[in-house]
Amino acid sequence: MDQAKEINKQEKNEQKEISDTNKDIKSGNKETSADKNSKKQVKVADDFLPENFNPFLRPGINKNLNNRKKDNFEERIINIKRVIKVTKGGRRFKFSALVVVGDREGNVGFAIAKHIEVPEAIKKASRLARKNLTKIKIVGKEDTISHEIIGHHGAARVLLKPASEGRGIVASDVVRSVVELAGIRNIYSKNLGTNNPQNVILATLDGLKNLRTKEEIEKLHEKVEIKSRFPNKKINNNNYRREQKTEQEDKKEQQDGTK
């Protein structure tokens, strides 16, 4: 009997809910009683959830990745080619991407990465290039290099010359991408060896690394005092060889006199 009474109560409640929804629809109310109940449940859930809760985030993902600041680096894709690896099971095809990265403030880097898909290879190369940055010295208002230099790597040789304001970048596509992303606006260059893009990039970076400013060159040419064998004497670089010659001559004269 008790079970029958409970079933009757449930049926009556369901009929009331259906009648209420029908009345709302006829009267023109967009919100039904079911919608009102769902809103109450959402309010209760919001009270218990944290403020920064995001239901669209997958579990296991670091939340700080969404708030990460974007860096000022620019990317240039130099070369994309297909690579084949021969194994026992057959041939495996991948794509290798050569990417140059720079912030136009003296920081440049490059990297090569491989992947089955092209966009993933580019992402991987740009990520590795950001880890292998080199600092380059830019001089003057013209944003050029301090002196002429030739960079070497393997069979590649790249000539780099400073240029005046308004000349721009006179270079090949590969050298232009490296120099422009470094922040240099006026420069002359010429490829004197092979045109392999990887070796050309390494040769340009070799030349840019070995640049010296005016102050560094002056320090190299400064006169340094060298201590002589005699404690009471101080001599310079220029007079050191002369005194060595006079000492050797005196010794020879003494030996001749003893004989």
C-alpha atoms as a PDB file:
ATOM      1  CA  MET A   1       0.000   0.000   0.000  1.00  0.00           C
ATOM      2  CA  ASP A   2       2.772   2.411   0.903  1.00  0.00           C
ATOM      3  CA  GLN A   3       4.527   1.819  -2.399  1.00  0.00           C
ATOM      4  CA  ALA A   4       1.318   2.477  -4.313  1.00  0.00           C
ATOM      5  CA  LYS A   5       0.828   5.791  -2.486  1.00  0.00           C
ATOM      6  CA  GLU A   6       4.394   6.906  -3.305  1.00  0.00           C
ATOM      7  CA  ILE A   7       3.945   6.054  -6.996  1.00  0.00           C
ATOM      8  CA  ASN A   8       0.692   8.067  -7.095  1.00  0.00           C
ATOM      9  CA  LYS A   9       2.456  11.076  -5.542  1.00  0.00           C
ATOM     10  CA  GLN A  10       5.253  10.929  -8.106  1.00  0.00           C
ATOM     11  CA  GLU A  11       2.751  10.751 -10.975  1.00  0.00           C
ATOM     12  CA  LYS A  12       0.823  13.754  -9.592  1.00  0.00           C
ATOM     13  CA  ASN A  13       4.054  15.806  -9.305  1.00  0.00           C
ATOM     14  CA  GLU A  14       5.027  14.954 -12.887  1.00  0.00           C
ATOM     15  CA  GLN A  15       1.567  15.970 -14.121  1.00  0.00           C
ATOM     16  CA  LYS A  16       1.851  19.311 -12.262  1.00  0.00           C
ATOM     17  CA  GLU A  17       5.250  20.025 -13.875  1.00  0.00           C
ATOM     18  CA  ILE A  18       3.862  19.232 -17.329  1.00  0.00           C
ATOM     19  CA  SER A  19       0.845  21.474 -16.741  1.00  0.00           C
ATOM     20  CA  ASP A  20       3.089  24.311 -15.504  1.00  0.00           C
ATOM     21  CA  THR A  21       5.289  24.097 -18.614  1.00  0.00           C
ATOM     22  CA  ASN A  22       2.188  24.098 -20.867  1.00  0.00           C
ATOM     23  CA  LYS A  23       0.834  27.197 -19.099  1.00  0.00           C
ATOM     24  CA  ASP A  24       4.185  28.983 -19.528  1.00  0.00           C
ATOM     25  CA  ILE A  25       4.313  28.169 -23.227  1.00  0.00           C
ATOM     26  CA  LYS A  26       0.710  29.341 -23.796  1.00  0.00           C
ATOM     27  CA  SER A  27       1.236  32.584 -21.876  1.00  0.00           C
ATOM     28  CA  GLY A  28       4.371  33.353 -23.923  1.00  0.00           C
ATOM     29  CA  ASN A  29       6.989  32.969 -21.185  1.00  0.00           C
ATOM     30  CA  LYS A  30      10.239  31.736 -22.730  1.00  0.00           C
ATOM     31  CA  GLU A  31      11.552  30.353 -19.448  1.00  0.00           C
ATOM     32  CA  THR A  32       9.872  27.162 -18.379  1.00  0.00           C
ATOM     33  CA  SER A  33       9.939  25.698 -14.901  1.00  0.00           C
ATOM     34  CA  ALA A  34      12.650  23.246 -16.001  1.00  0.00           C
ATOM     35  CA  ASP A  35      14.847  26.182 -17.064  1.00  0.00           C
ATOM     36  CA  LYS A  36      14.285  27.858 -13.697  1.00  0.00           C
ATOM     37  CA  ASN A  37      15.364  24.710 -11.886  1.00  0.00           C
ATOM     38  CA  SER A  38      18.494  24.434 -14.051  1.00  0.00           C
ATOM     39  CA  LYS A  39      19.404  28.076 -13.241  1.00  0.00           C
ATOM     40  CA  LYS A  40      19.104  27.340  -9.522  1.00  0.00           C
ATOM     41  CA  GLN A  41      21.453  24.368  -9.939  1.00  0.00           C
ATOM     42  CA  VAL A  42      23.998  26.539 -11.816  1.00  0.00           C
ATOM     43  CA  LYS A  43      23.948  29.156  -9.043  1.00  0.00           C
ATOM     44  CA  VAL A  44      24.584  26.487  -6.433  1.00  0.00           C
ATOM     45  CA  ALA A  45      27.479  25.079  -8.508  1.00  0.00           C
ATOM     46  CA  ASP A  46      29.051  28.549  -8.911  1.00  0.00           C
ATOM     47  CA  ASP A  47      29.136  28.965  -5.137  1.00  0.00           C
ATOM     48  CA  PHE A  48      31.306  25.876  -4.704  1.00  0.00           C
ATOM     49  CA  LEU A  49      33.618  26.267  -7.775  1.00  0.00           C
ATOM     50  CA  PRO A  50      36.807  28.420  -7.666  1.00  0.00           C
ATOM     51  CA  GLU A  51      36.930  31.854  -9.306  1.00  0.00           C
ATOM     52  CA  ASN A  52      39.364  30.962 -12.134  1.00  0.00           C
ATOM     53  CA  PHE A  53      37.661  27.682 -13.020  1.00  0.00           C
ATOM     54  CA  ASN A  54      37.605  26.969 -16.766  1.00  0.00           C
ATOM     55  CA  PRO A  55      35.529  23.911 -17.773  1.00  0.00           C
ATOM     56  CA  PHE A  56      37.017  23.896 -21.288  1.00  0.00           C
ATOM     57  CA  LEU A  57      40.583  23.174 -20.116  1.00  0.00           C
ATOM     58  CA  ARG A  58      41.726  19.597 -20.481  1.00  0.00           C
ATOM     59  CA  PRO A  59      42.954  17.921 -17.276  1.00  0.00           C
ATOM     60  CA  GLY A  60      46.723  17.834 -16.864  1.00  0.00           C
ATOM     61  CA  ILE A  61      47.404  21.071 -18.779  1.00  0.00           C
ATOM     62  CA  ASN A  62      49.370  23.796 -17.011  1.00  0.00           C
ATOM     63  CA  LYS A  63      47.109  26.811 -16.351  1.00  0.00           C
ATOM     64  CA  ASN A  64      50.039  29.223 -16.670  1.00  0.00           C
ATOM     65  CA  LEU A  65      50.335  28.426 -20.395  1.00  0.00           C
ATOM     66  CA  ASN A  66      47.200  30.459 -21.160  1.00  0.00           C
ATOM     67  CA  ASN A  67      48.554  33.498 -19.281  1.00  0.00           C
ATOM     68  CA  ARG A  68      52.015  33.247 -20.870  1.00  0.00           C
ATOM     69  CA  LYS A  69      53.293  36.481 -22.448  1.00  0.00           C
ATOM     70  CA  LYS A  70      54.065  36.470 -26.146  1.00  0.00           C
ATOM     71  CA  ASP A  71      57.685  37.241 -26.997  1.00  0.00           C
ATOM     72  CA  ASN A  72      58.842  39.774 -29.583  1.00  0.00           C
ATOM     73  CA  PHE A  73      60.581  37.237 -31.834  1.00  0.00           C
ATOM     74  CA  GLU A  74      59.832  37.008 -35.538  1.00  0.00           C
ATOM     75  CA  GLU A  75      60.173  33.851 -37.612  1.00  0.00           C
ATOM     76  CA  ARG A  76      61.434  33.331 -41.150  1.00  0.00           C
ATOM     77  CA  ILE A  77      61.155  29.957 -42.882  1.00  0.00           C
ATOM     78  CA  ILE A  78      64.258  29.533 -45.025  1.00  0.00           C
ATOM     79  CA  ASN A  79      63.860  26.030 -46.394  1.00  0.00           C
ATOM     80  CA  ILE A  80      61.490  23.048 -46.175  1.00  0.00           C
ATOM     81  CA  LYS A  81      62.428  19.738 -47.754  1.00  0.00           C
ATOM     82  CA  ARG A  82      61.371  16.097 -47.579  1.00  0.00           C
ATOM     83  CA  VAL A  83      63.717  13.631 -45.921  1.00  0.00           C
ATOM     84  CA  ILE A  84      63.672   9.850 -46.386  1.00  0.00           C
ATOM     85  CA  LYS A  85      65.026   7.286 -43.933  1.00  0.00           C
ATOM     86  CA  VAL A  86      65.438   3.724 -45.237  1.00  0.00           C
ATOM     87  CA  THR A  87      64.817   0.964 -42.659  1.00  0.00           C
ATOM     88  CA  LYS A  88      64.046  -2.746 -42.702  1.00  0.00           C
ATOM     89  CA  GLY A  89      60.323  -2.022 -42.692  1.00  0.00           C
ATOM     90  CA  GLY A  90      60.635   0.331 -45.653  1.00  0.00           C
ATOM     91  CA  ARG A  91      61.032   4.046 -46.224  1.00  0.00           C
ATOM     92  CA  ARG A  92      60.025   6.632 -43.626  1.00  0.00           C
ATOM     93  CA  PHE A  93      59.165  10.096 -44.930  1.00  0.00           C
ATOM     94  CA  LYS A  94      59.584  13.258 -42.863  1.00  0.00           C
ATOM     95  CA  PHE A  95      59.892  17.001 -43.462  1.00  0.00           C
ATOM     96  CA  SER A  96      62.832  19.113 -42.242  1.00  0.00           C
ATOM     97  CA  ALA A  97      62.350  22.859 -41.659  1.00  0.00           C
ATOM     98  CA  LEU A  98      65.090  25.488 -41.403  1.00  0.00           C
ATOM     99  CA  VAL A  99      63.859  28.502 -39.410  1.00  0.00           C
ATOM    100  CA  VAL A 100      65.554  31.775 -38.376  1.00  0.00           C
ATOM    101  CA  VAL A 101      64.301  33.711 -35.333  1.00  0.00           C
ATOM    102  CA  GLY A 102      65.145  37.248 -34.182  1.00  0.00           C
ATOM    103  CA  ASP A 103      63.826  40.191 -32.156  1.00  0.00           C
ATOM    104  CA  ARG A 104      65.459  43.028 -34.204  1.00  0.00           C
ATOM    105  CA  GLU A 105      67.410  44.064 -31.097  1.00  0.00           C
ATOM    106  CA  GLY A 106      70.630  42.094 -31.599  1.00  0.00           C
ATOM    107  CA  ASN A 107      69.393  38.565 -30.795  1.00  0.00           C
ATOM    108  CA  VAL A 108      69.308  35.993 -33.627  1.00  0.00           C
ATOM    109  CA  GLY A 109      69.093  32.212 -33.733  1.00  0.00           C
ATOM    110  CA  PHE A 110      68.346  29.391 -36.131  1.00  0.00           C
ATOM    111  CA  ALA A 111      67.530  25.698 -35.941  1.00  0.00           C
ATOM    112  CA  ILE A 112      66.585  22.676 -38.043  1.00  0.00           C
ATOM    113  CA  ALA A 113      63.842  20.255 -36.980  1.00  0.00           C
ATOM    114  CA  LYS A 114      62.119  17.217 -38.499  1.00  0.00           C
ATOM    115  CA  HIS A 115      58.585  15.900 -38.193  1.00  0.00           C
ATOM    116  CA  ILE A 116      55.999  13.905 -40.143  1.00  0.00           C
ATOM    117  CA  GLU A 117      53.922  17.080 -40.684  1.00  0.00           C
ATOM    118  CA  VAL A 118      55.207  20.441 -41.959  1.00  0.00           C
ATOM    119  CA  PRO A 119      53.571  22.779 -39.371  1.00  0.00           C
ATOM    120  CA  GLU A 120      54.845  20.645 -36.487  1.00  0.00           C
ATOM    121  CA  ALA A 121      58.372  20.728 -37.931  1.00  0.00           C
ATOM    122  CA  ILE A 122      58.216  24.545 -38.154  1.00  0.00           C
ATOM    123  CA  LYS A 123      56.986  24.850 -34.552  1.00  0.00           C
ATOM    124  CA  LYS A 124      59.725  22.553 -33.313  1.00  0.00           C
ATOM    125  CA  ALA A 125      62.432  24.476 -35.211  1.00  0.00           C
ATOM    126  CA  SER A 126      61.251  27.858 -33.931  1.00  0.00           C
ATOM    127  CA  ARG A 127      61.198  26.523 -30.370  1.00  0.00           C
ATOM    128  CA  LEU A 128      64.772  25.243 -30.684  1.00  0.00           C
ATOM    129  CA  ALA A 129      65.951  28.476 -32.360  1.00  0.00           C
ATOM    130  CA  ARG A 130      64.781  30.515 -29.363  1.00  0.00           C
ATOM    131  CA  LYS A 131      67.085  28.424 -27.159  1.00  0.00           C
ATOM    132  CA  ASN A 132      70.158  28.956 -29.385  1.00  0.00           C
ATOM    133  CA  LEU A 133      70.358  32.749 -29.640  1.00  0.00           C
ATOM    134  CA  THR A 134      73.497  34.771 -30.379  1.00  0.00           C
ATOM    135  CA  LYS A 135      74.077  38.402 -29.403  1.00  0.00           C
ATOM    136  CA  ILE A 136      75.250  40.737 -32.188  1.00  0.00           C
ATOM    137  CA  LYS A 137      76.806  44.199 -31.832  1.00  0.00           C
ATOM    138  CA  ILE A 138      75.043  46.920 -33.820  1.00  0.00           C
ATOM    139  CA  VAL A 139      76.773  50.297 -34.213  1.00  0.00           C
ATOM    140  CA  GLY A 140      75.600  53.898 -34.700  1.00  0.00           C
ATOM    141  CA  LYS A 141      72.375  55.503 -35.822  1.00  0.00           C
ATOM    142  CA  GLU A 142      72.719  53.733 -39.164  1.00  0.00           C
ATOM    143  CA  ASP A 143      72.248  50.337 -37.447  1.00  0.00           C
ATOM    144  CA  THR A 144      75.181  48.778 -39.270  1.00  0.00           C
ATOM    145  CA  ILE A 145      78.318  46.781 -38.388  1.00  0.00           C
ATOM    146  CA  SER A 146      81.561  48.315 -37.142  1.00  0.00           C
ATOM    147  CA  HIS A 147      83.985  47.056 -39.816  1.00  0.00           C
ATOM    148  CA  GLU A 148      84.376  44.762 -42.816  1.00  0.00           C
ATOM    149  CA  ILE A 149      84.662  41.044 -42.119  1.00  0.00           C
ATOM    150  CA  ILE A 150      84.428  37.644 -43.827  1.00  0.00           C
ATOM    151  CA  GLY A 151      82.610  34.796 -42.086  1.00  0.00           C
ATOM    152  CA  HIS A 152      83.662  31.189 -42.695  1.00  0.00           C
ATOM    153  CA  HIS A 153      81.950  27.842 -42.236  1.00  0.00           C
ATOM    154  CA  GLY A 154      82.844  24.820 -44.311  1.00  0.00           C
ATOM    155  CA  ALA A 155      82.802  25.771 -47.986  1.00  0.00           C
ATOM    156  CA  ALA A 156      80.715  28.908 -47.322  1.00  0.00           C
ATOM    157  CA  ARG A 157      82.282  32.368 -47.109  1.00  0.00           C
ATOM    158  CA  VAL A 158      80.219  35.514 -46.639  1.00  0.00           C
ATOM    159  CA  LEU A 159      81.603  39.034 -47.011  1.00  0.00           C
ATOM    160  CA  LEU A 160      79.966  41.678 -44.789  1.00  0.00           C
ATOM    161  CA  LYS A 161      80.591  45.437 -45.211  1.00  0.00           C
ATOM    162  CA  PRO A 162      79.187  48.424 -43.306  1.00  0.00           C
ATOM    163  CA  ALA A 163      76.928  50.796 -45.257  1.00  0.00           C
ATOM    164  CA  SER A 164      75.755  54.375 -44.775  1.00  0.00           C
ATOM    165  CA  GLU A 165      72.222  55.487 -43.930  1.00  0.00           C
ATOM    166  CA  GLY A 166      69.665  54.861 -46.668  1.00  0.00           C
ATOM    167  CA  ARG A 167      71.577  52.113 -48.483  1.00  0.00           C
ATOM    168  CA  GLY A 168      69.484  49.313 -47.032  1.00  0.00           C
ATOM    169  CA  ILE A 169      70.353  45.613 -47.019  1.00  0.00           C
ATOM    170  CA  VAL A 170      72.154  44.435 -50.153  1.00  0.00           C
ATOM    171  CA  ALA A 171      72.268  40.664 -49.677  1.00  0.00           C
ATOM    172  CA  SER A 172      70.853  37.316 -50.728  1.00  0.00           C
ATOM    173  CA  ASP A 173      67.578  36.037 -49.264  1.00  0.00           C
ATOM    174  CA  VAL A 174      69.270  33.850 -46.656  1.00  0.00           C
ATOM    175  CA  VAL A 175      71.709  36.523 -45.430  1.00  0.00           C
ATOM    176  CA  ARG A 176      68.955  39.153 -45.536  1.00  0.00           C
ATOM    177  CA  SER A 177      66.736  37.138 -43.196  1.00  0.00           C
ATOM    178  CA  VAL A 178      69.538  36.731 -40.624  1.00  0.00           C
ATOM    179  CA  VAL A 179      70.725  40.347 -40.780  1.00  0.00           C
ATOM    180  CA  GLU A 180      67.263  41.897 -40.838  1.00  0.00           C
ATOM    181  CA  LEU A 181      65.979  39.908 -37.849  1.00  0.00           C
ATOM    182  CA  ALA A 182      69.147  40.875 -35.955  1.00  0.00           C
ATOM    183  CA  GLY A 183      68.216  44.557 -36.301  1.00  0.00           C
ATOM    184  CA  ILE A 184      70.782  45.695 -38.920  1.00  0.00           C
ATOM    185  CA  ARG A 185      69.253  48.073 -41.490  1.00  0.00           C
ATOM    186  CA  ASN A 186      72.233  49.029 -43.692  1.00  0.00           C
ATOM    187  CA  ILE A 187      74.817  46.502 -44.869  1.00  0.00           C
ATOM    188  CA  TYR A 188      76.521  45.095 -47.975  1.00  0.00           C
ATOM    189  CA  SER A 189      77.170  41.359 -48.346  1.00  0.00           C
ATOM    190  CA  LYS A 190      78.264  38.814 -50.925  1.00  0.00           C
ATOM    191  CA  ASN A 191      78.408  35.008 -50.979  1.00  0.00           C
ATOM    192  CA  LEU A 192      81.948  33.957 -51.960  1.00  0.00           C
ATOM    193  CA  GLY A 193      81.509  30.197 -51.623  1.00  0.00           C
ATOM    194  CA  THR A 194      78.709  27.647 -51.608  1.00  0.00           C
ATOM    195  CA  ASN A 195      75.026  28.606 -51.553  1.00  0.00           C
ATOM    196  CA  ASN A 196      73.941  25.887 -49.100  1.00  0.00           C
ATOM    197  CA  PRO A 197      71.492  27.792 -46.824  1.00  0.00           C
ATOM    198  CA  GLN A 198      72.588  26.126 -43.577  1.00  0.00           C
ATOM    199  CA  ASN A 199      76.295  26.842 -44.193  1.00  0.00           C
ATOM    200  CA  VAL A 200      75.528  30.400 -45.352  1.00  0.00           C
ATOM    201  CA  ILE A 201      73.628  31.119 -42.106  1.00  0.00           C
ATOM    202  CA  LEU A 202      76.466  29.714 -40.023  1.00  0.00           C
ATOM    203  CA  ALA A 203      79.028  31.761 -41.990  1.00  0.00           C
ATOM    204  CA  THR A 204      77.061  35.013 -41.486  1.00  0.00           C
ATOM    205  CA  LEU A 205      76.698  34.311 -37.774  1.00  0.00           C
ATOM    206  CA  ASP A 206      80.441  33.568 -37.569  1.00  0.00           C
ATOM    207  CA  GLY A 207      81.214  36.950 -39.140  1.00  0.00           C
ATOM    208  CA  LEU A 208      78.752  38.808 -36.906  1.00  0.00           C
ATOM    209  CA  LYS A 209      80.089  37.102 -33.758  1.00  0.00           C
ATOM    210  CA  ASN A 210      83.697  38.121 -34.503  1.00  0.00           C
ATOM    211  CA  LEU A 211      82.900  41.813 -34.903  1.00  0.00           C
ATOM    212  CA  ARG A 212      84.788  44.203 -32.614  1.00  0.00           C
ATOM    213  CA  THR A 213      83.802  47.703 -31.553  1.00  0.00           C
ATOM    214  CA  LYS A 214      86.148  50.692 -31.610  1.00  0.00           C
ATOM    215  CA  GLU A 215      86.766  50.490 -27.858  1.00  0.00           C
ATOM    216  CA  GLU A 216      87.680  46.795 -27.987  1.00  0.00           C
ATOM    217  CA  ILE A 217      90.175  47.405 -30.824  1.00  0.00           C
ATOM    218  CA  GLU A 218      91.810  50.262 -28.884  1.00  0.00           C
ATOM    219  CA  LYS A 219      92.242  47.998 -25.864  1.00  0.00           C
ATOM    220  CA  LEU A 220      94.026  45.418 -28.015  1.00  0.00           C
ATOM    221  CA  HIS A 221      96.534  48.041 -29.249  1.00  0.00           C
ATOM    222  CA  GLU A 222      97.312  49.414 -25.792  1.00  0.00           C
ATOM    223  CA  LYS A 223     100.946  49.133 -24.628  1.00  0.00           C
ATOM    224  CA  VAL A 224     101.359  46.599 -21.859  1.00  0.00           C
ATOM    225  CA  GLU A 225     104.369  46.640 -19.569  1.00  0.00           C
ATOM    226  CA  ILE A 226     106.364  43.400 -19.456  1.00  0.00           C
ATOM    227  CA  LYS A 227     108.523  42.564 -16.459  1.00  0.00           C
ATOM    228  CA  SER A 228     112.157  42.053 -17.379  1.00  0.00           C
ATOM    229  CA  ARG A 229     114.556  39.599 -15.818  1.00  0.00           C
ATOM    230  CA  PHE A 230     116.111  42.426 -13.876  1.00  0.00           C
ATOM    231  CA  PRO A 231     113.951  43.528 -10.933  1.00  0.00           C
ATOM    232  CA  ASN A 232     114.850  47.243 -11.083  1.00  0.00           C
ATOM    233  CA  LYS A 233     113.973  47.658 -14.794  1.00  0.00           C
ATOM    234  CA  LYS A 234     110.611  48.203 -16.473  1.00  0.00           C
ATOM    235  CA  ILE A 235     110.389  47.935 -20.242  1.00  0.00           C
ATOM    236  CA  ASN A 236     107.700  48.255 -22.915  1.00  0.00           C
ATOM    237  CA  ASN A 237     106.800  45.901 -25.735  1.00  0.00           C
ATOM    238  CA  ASN A 238     108.697  48.002 -28.282  1.00  0.00           C
ATOM    239  CA  ASN A 239     111.995  48.032 -26.357  1.00  0.00           C
ATOM    240  CA  TYR A 240     111.864  44.405 -25.184  1.00  0.00           C
ATOM    241  CA  ARG A 241     113.380  42.905 -28.337  1.00  0.00           C
ATOM    242  CA  ARG A 242     116.078  45.552 -28.527  1.00  0.00           C
ATOM    243  CA  GLU A 243     117.279  44.827 -24.991  1.00  0.00           C
ATOM    244  CA  GLN A 244     117.271  41.105 -25.715  1.00  0.00           C
ATOM    245  CA  LYS A 245     119.586  41.708 -28.696  1.00  0.00           C
ATOM    246  CA  THR A 246     121.979  43.876 -26.640  1.00  0.00           C
ATOM    247  CA  GLU A 247     122.150  41.210 -23.901  1.00  0.00           C
ATOM    248  CA  GLN A 248     123.005  38.518 -26.441  1.00  0.00           C
ATOM    249  CA  GLU A 249     125.731  40.722 -27.987  1.00  0.00           C
ATOM    250  CA  ASP A 250     127.282  41.401 -24.571  1.00  0.00           C
ATOM    251  CA  LYS A 251     127.408  37.686 -23.806  1.00  0.00           C
ATOM    252  CA  LYS A 252     129.153  36.973 -27.133  1.00  0.00           C
ATOM    253  CA  GLU A 253     131.756  39.683 -26.477  1.00  0.00           C
ATOM    254  CA  GLN A 254     132.480  38.255 -23.024  1.00  0.00           C
ATOM    255  CA  GLN A 255     132.895  34.760 -24.450  1.00  0.00           C
ATOM    256  CA  ASP A 256     135.278  36.061 -27.164  1.00  0.00           C
ATOM    257  CA  GLY A 257     137.342  37.918 -24.548  1.00  0.00           C
ATOM    258  CA  THR A 258     137.733  34.837 -22.354  1.00  0.00           C
ATOM    259  CA  LYS A 259     138.921  32.841 -25.341  1.00  0.00           C
END
